[in-house]
Amino acid sequence: MNSSASPSKAPTQSNPKLAITMVFLCTILGAAAQILMKQGSQAPHAEGVLGMLMAIFSNRDLFIGYALYGISTVLLTIAFKFGELSMLYPVIALSYVWVTTLSIYLYGEQLNVYKVLGLLSVMAGVGVIGLGMRRNA
């Protein structure tokens, strides 16, 4: 056995546009999941682990929220097959933008200068990474 040989990697087909589209969809699904879990958490439920499990399966909003997270996770895993992890994973930060925006409209949460600066930083960071992806393509 040759000790200098590296383990072979299975070839993957690169399709960055498909991967980015899938990850972007994951951010929307993840944001919807978080909003639904917030909504579902407002309903009273039993104490303890068993009570929480019962709440997940008996509360429509919680159940759909967790299901959307599951779907998002599967799509994210598939997207990783077609793109570079270092380019794709930071796009998930857009979920913060969607959740904050939805929280303002649905729950009347307030924006302040720090939230605005944070959201702008996230969007700028994702934009810079996107520019890096175009240069490598």
C-alpha atoms as a PDB file:
ATOM      1  CA  MET A   1       0.000   0.000   0.000  1.00  0.00           C
ATOM      2  CA  ASN A   2       1.352   3.392  -0.953  1.00  0.00           C
ATOM      3  CA  SER A   3       1.369   5.656   2.102  1.00  0.00           C
ATOM      4  CA  SER A   4       1.659   8.813   0.016  1.00  0.00           C
ATOM      5  CA  ALA A   5      -1.577   8.172  -1.847  1.00  0.00           C
ATOM      6  CA  SER A   6      -4.462  10.322  -0.702  1.00  0.00           C
ATOM      7  CA  PRO A   7      -7.952   8.947  -0.388  1.00  0.00           C
ATOM      8  CA  SER A   8      -9.863   9.374  -3.619  1.00  0.00           C
ATOM      9  CA  LYS A   9     -12.701  11.828  -3.652  1.00  0.00           C
ATOM     10  CA  ALA A  10     -15.844  11.162  -5.600  1.00  0.00           C
ATOM     11  CA  PRO A  11     -16.131  13.676  -8.415  1.00  0.00           C
ATOM     12  CA  THR A  12     -18.870  16.249  -7.985  1.00  0.00           C
ATOM     13  CA  GLN A  13     -20.491  18.241 -10.711  1.00  0.00           C
ATOM     14  CA  SER A  14     -20.120  21.940 -10.163  1.00  0.00           C
ATOM     15  CA  ASN A  15     -23.228  24.018 -10.757  1.00  0.00           C
ATOM     16  CA  PRO A  16     -22.802  27.226  -8.722  1.00  0.00           C
ATOM     17  CA  LYS A  17     -26.018  28.872  -9.962  1.00  0.00           C
ATOM     18  CA  LEU A  18     -28.112  25.891  -8.927  1.00  0.00           C
ATOM     19  CA  ALA A  19     -26.323  25.728  -5.587  1.00  0.00           C
ATOM     20  CA  ILE A  20     -26.839  29.452  -4.857  1.00  0.00           C
ATOM     21  CA  THR A  21     -30.506  29.232  -5.858  1.00  0.00           C
ATOM     22  CA  MET A  22     -31.031  26.284  -3.536  1.00  0.00           C
ATOM     23  CA  VAL A  23     -29.265  27.988  -0.632  1.00  0.00           C
ATOM     24  CA  PHE A  24     -31.260  31.181  -1.218  1.00  0.00           C
ATOM     25  CA  LEU A  25     -34.444  29.078  -1.084  1.00  0.00           C
ATOM     26  CA  CYS A  26     -33.154  27.571   2.156  1.00  0.00           C
ATOM     27  CA  THR A  27     -32.884  31.058   3.667  1.00  0.00           C
ATOM     28  CA  ILE A  28     -36.521  31.751   2.842  1.00  0.00           C
ATOM     29  CA  LEU A  29     -37.666  28.372   4.182  1.00  0.00           C
ATOM     30  CA  GLY A  30     -35.580  28.876   7.316  1.00  0.00           C
ATOM     31  CA  ALA A  31     -37.058  32.329   7.917  1.00  0.00           C
ATOM     32  CA  ALA A  32     -40.593  31.005   7.441  1.00  0.00           C
ATOM     33  CA  ALA A  33     -39.781  28.167   9.843  1.00  0.00           C
ATOM     34  CA  GLN A  34     -38.581  30.599  12.501  1.00  0.00           C
ATOM     35  CA  ILE A  35     -41.688  32.776  12.163  1.00  0.00           C
ATOM     36  CA  LEU A  36     -43.950  29.725  12.426  1.00  0.00           C
ATOM     37  CA  MET A  37     -42.061  28.457  15.473  1.00  0.00           C
ATOM     38  CA  LYS A  38     -42.424  31.894  17.100  1.00  0.00           C
ATOM     39  CA  GLN A  39     -46.142  31.808  16.341  1.00  0.00           C
ATOM     40  CA  GLY A  40     -46.505  28.244  17.595  1.00  0.00           C
ATOM     41  CA  SER A  41     -44.541  28.939  20.772  1.00  0.00           C
ATOM     42  CA  GLN A  42     -47.183  31.452  21.850  1.00  0.00           C
ATOM     43  CA  ALA A  43     -49.701  28.678  22.510  1.00  0.00           C
ATOM     44  CA  PRO A  44     -49.631  27.213  26.008  1.00  0.00           C
ATOM     45  CA  HIS A  45     -48.206  23.717  26.225  1.00  0.00           C
ATOM     46  CA  ALA A  46     -47.322  21.156  28.848  1.00  0.00           C
ATOM     47  CA  GLU A  47     -44.058  21.271  30.780  1.00  0.00           C
ATOM     48  CA  GLY A  48     -41.084  19.004  30.192  1.00  0.00           C
ATOM     49  CA  VAL A  49     -39.675  17.131  27.233  1.00  0.00           C
ATOM     50  CA  LEU A  50     -42.780  15.009  26.682  1.00  0.00           C
ATOM     51  CA  GLY A  51     -44.970  18.102  26.796  1.00  0.00           C
ATOM     52  CA  MET A  52     -42.790  19.829  24.225  1.00  0.00           C
ATOM     53  CA  LEU A  53     -42.884  16.805  21.919  1.00  0.00           C
ATOM     54  CA  MET A  54     -46.662  16.701  22.225  1.00  0.00           C
ATOM     55  CA  ALA A  55     -46.808  20.428  21.427  1.00  0.00           C
ATOM     56  CA  ILE A  56     -44.711  19.974  18.293  1.00  0.00           C
ATOM     57  CA  PHE A  57     -47.057  17.322  16.939  1.00  0.00           C
ATOM     58  CA  SER A  58     -50.310  18.927  18.075  1.00  0.00           C
ATOM     59  CA  ASN A  59     -49.547  22.557  17.200  1.00  0.00           C
ATOM     60  CA  ARG A  60     -49.852  23.190  13.457  1.00  0.00           C
ATOM     61  CA  ASP A  61     -47.472  26.159  13.396  1.00  0.00           C
ATOM     62  CA  LEU A  62     -44.755  24.351  15.350  1.00  0.00           C
ATOM     63  CA  PHE A  63     -45.096  21.221  13.246  1.00  0.00           C
ATOM     64  CA  ILE A  64     -44.913  23.094   9.935  1.00  0.00           C
ATOM     65  CA  GLY A  65     -42.030  25.222  11.244  1.00  0.00           C
ATOM     66  CA  TYR A  66     -39.972  22.181  12.159  1.00  0.00           C
ATOM     67  CA  ALA A  67     -40.921  20.480   8.876  1.00  0.00           C
ATOM     68  CA  LEU A  68     -39.704  23.515   6.917  1.00  0.00           C
ATOM     69  CA  TYR A  69     -36.416  23.382   8.817  1.00  0.00           C
ATOM     70  CA  GLY A  70     -36.087  19.730   7.847  1.00  0.00           C
ATOM     71  CA  ILE A  71     -36.792  20.456   4.188  1.00  0.00           C
ATOM     72  CA  SER A  72     -34.330  23.341   4.292  1.00  0.00           C
ATOM     73  CA  THR A  73     -31.650  21.077   5.747  1.00  0.00           C
ATOM     74  CA  VAL A  74     -32.139  18.479   3.011  1.00  0.00           C
ATOM     75  CA  LEU A  75     -31.988  21.146   0.280  1.00  0.00           C
ATOM     76  CA  LEU A  76     -28.887  22.653   1.850  1.00  0.00           C
ATOM     77  CA  THR A  77     -27.166  19.285   1.867  1.00  0.00           C
ATOM     78  CA  ILE A  78     -27.977  18.815  -1.810  1.00  0.00           C
ATOM     79  CA  ALA A  79     -26.795  22.354  -2.632  1.00  0.00           C
ATOM     80  CA  PHE A  80     -23.427  21.647  -0.998  1.00  0.00           C
ATOM     81  CA  LYS A  81     -22.875  18.926  -3.591  1.00  0.00           C
ATOM     82  CA  PHE A  82     -22.954  21.486  -6.413  1.00  0.00           C
ATOM     83  CA  GLY A  83     -21.022  24.429  -5.004  1.00  0.00           C
ATOM     84  CA  GLU A  84     -18.198  25.537  -2.771  1.00  0.00           C
ATOM     85  CA  LEU A  85     -18.981  25.461   0.933  1.00  0.00           C
ATOM     86  CA  SER A  86     -17.032  28.677   1.549  1.00  0.00           C
ATOM     87  CA  MET A  87     -19.234  30.488  -0.963  1.00  0.00           C
ATOM     88  CA  LEU A  88     -22.577  28.913  -0.104  1.00  0.00           C
ATOM     89  CA  TYR A  89     -22.680  28.790   3.663  1.00  0.00           C
ATOM     90  CA  PRO A  90     -22.391  32.550   4.298  1.00  0.00           C
ATOM     91  CA  VAL A  91     -25.505  33.104   2.146  1.00  0.00           C
ATOM     92  CA  ILE A  92     -27.497  31.456   4.930  1.00  0.00           C
ATOM     93  CA  ALA A  93     -26.934  34.660   6.922  1.00  0.00           C
ATOM     94  CA  LEU A  94     -29.628  36.239   4.749  1.00  0.00           C
ATOM     95  CA  SER A  95     -32.093  34.410   7.003  1.00  0.00           C
ATOM     96  CA  TYR A  96     -31.365  37.117   9.592  1.00  0.00           C
ATOM     97  CA  VAL A  97     -32.497  39.755   7.106  1.00  0.00           C
ATOM     98  CA  TRP A  98     -35.733  37.933   6.266  1.00  0.00           C
ATOM     99  CA  VAL A  99     -36.586  37.145   9.897  1.00  0.00           C
ATOM    100  CA  THR A 100     -35.972  40.720  11.014  1.00  0.00           C
ATOM    101  CA  THR A 101     -38.068  42.101   8.161  1.00  0.00           C
ATOM    102  CA  LEU A 102     -40.918  39.689   8.859  1.00  0.00           C
ATOM    103  CA  SER A 103     -40.719  40.413  12.601  1.00  0.00           C
ATOM    104  CA  ILE A 104     -41.196  44.105  11.938  1.00  0.00           C
ATOM    105  CA  TYR A 105     -44.256  43.544   9.752  1.00  0.00           C
ATOM    106  CA  LEU A 106     -45.858  40.642  11.619  1.00  0.00           C
ATOM    107  CA  TYR A 107     -45.021  41.445  15.235  1.00  0.00           C
ATOM    108  CA  GLY A 108     -44.437  45.184  15.180  1.00  0.00           C
ATOM    109  CA  GLU A 109     -40.865  44.800  16.385  1.00  0.00           C
ATOM    110  CA  GLN A 110     -38.829  47.979  16.235  1.00  0.00           C
ATOM    111  CA  LEU A 111     -35.721  48.684  14.211  1.00  0.00           C
ATOM    112  CA  ASN A 112     -32.896  50.657  15.721  1.00  0.00           C
ATOM    113  CA  VAL A 113     -29.630  51.885  14.305  1.00  0.00           C
ATOM    114  CA  TYR A 114     -27.760  48.787  15.505  1.00  0.00           C
ATOM    115  CA  LYS A 115     -30.169  46.395  13.824  1.00  0.00           C
ATOM    116  CA  VAL A 116     -30.001  48.389  10.600  1.00  0.00           C
ATOM    117  CA  LEU A 117     -26.190  48.413  10.689  1.00  0.00           C
ATOM    118  CA  GLY A 118     -26.139  44.683  11.408  1.00  0.00           C
ATOM    119  CA  LEU A 119     -28.501  43.869   8.552  1.00  0.00           C
ATOM    120  CA  LEU A 120     -26.567  46.089   6.159  1.00  0.00           C
ATOM    121  CA  SER A 121     -23.362  44.339   7.238  1.00  0.00           C
ATOM    122  CA  VAL A 122     -24.878  40.927   6.534  1.00  0.00           C
ATOM    123  CA  MET A 123     -26.118  42.005   3.115  1.00  0.00           C
ATOM    124  CA  ALA A 124     -22.787  43.628   2.262  1.00  0.00           C
ATOM    125  CA  GLY A 125     -20.907  40.505   3.362  1.00  0.00           C
ATOM    126  CA  VAL A 126     -23.058  38.233   1.230  1.00  0.00           C
ATOM    127  CA  GLY A 127     -22.633  40.663  -1.670  1.00  0.00           C
ATOM    128  CA  VAL A 128     -18.848  40.639  -1.338  1.00  0.00           C
ATOM    129  CA  ILE A 129     -18.828  36.845  -1.293  1.00  0.00           C
ATOM    130  CA  GLY A 130     -21.058  36.868  -4.378  1.00  0.00           C
ATOM    131  CA  LEU A 131     -18.556  39.099  -6.163  1.00  0.00           C
ATOM    132  CA  GLY A 132     -15.812  36.643  -5.250  1.00  0.00           C
ATOM    133  CA  MET A 133     -17.861  33.828  -6.727  1.00  0.00           C
ATOM    134  CA  ARG A 134     -18.220  35.670 -10.047  1.00  0.00           C
ATOM    135  CA  ARG A 135     -14.475  36.290 -10.238  1.00  0.00           C
ATOM    136  CA  ASN A 136     -13.742  32.590  -9.705  1.00  0.00           C
ATOM    137  CA  ALA A 137     -16.279  31.471 -12.314  1.00  0.00           C
END
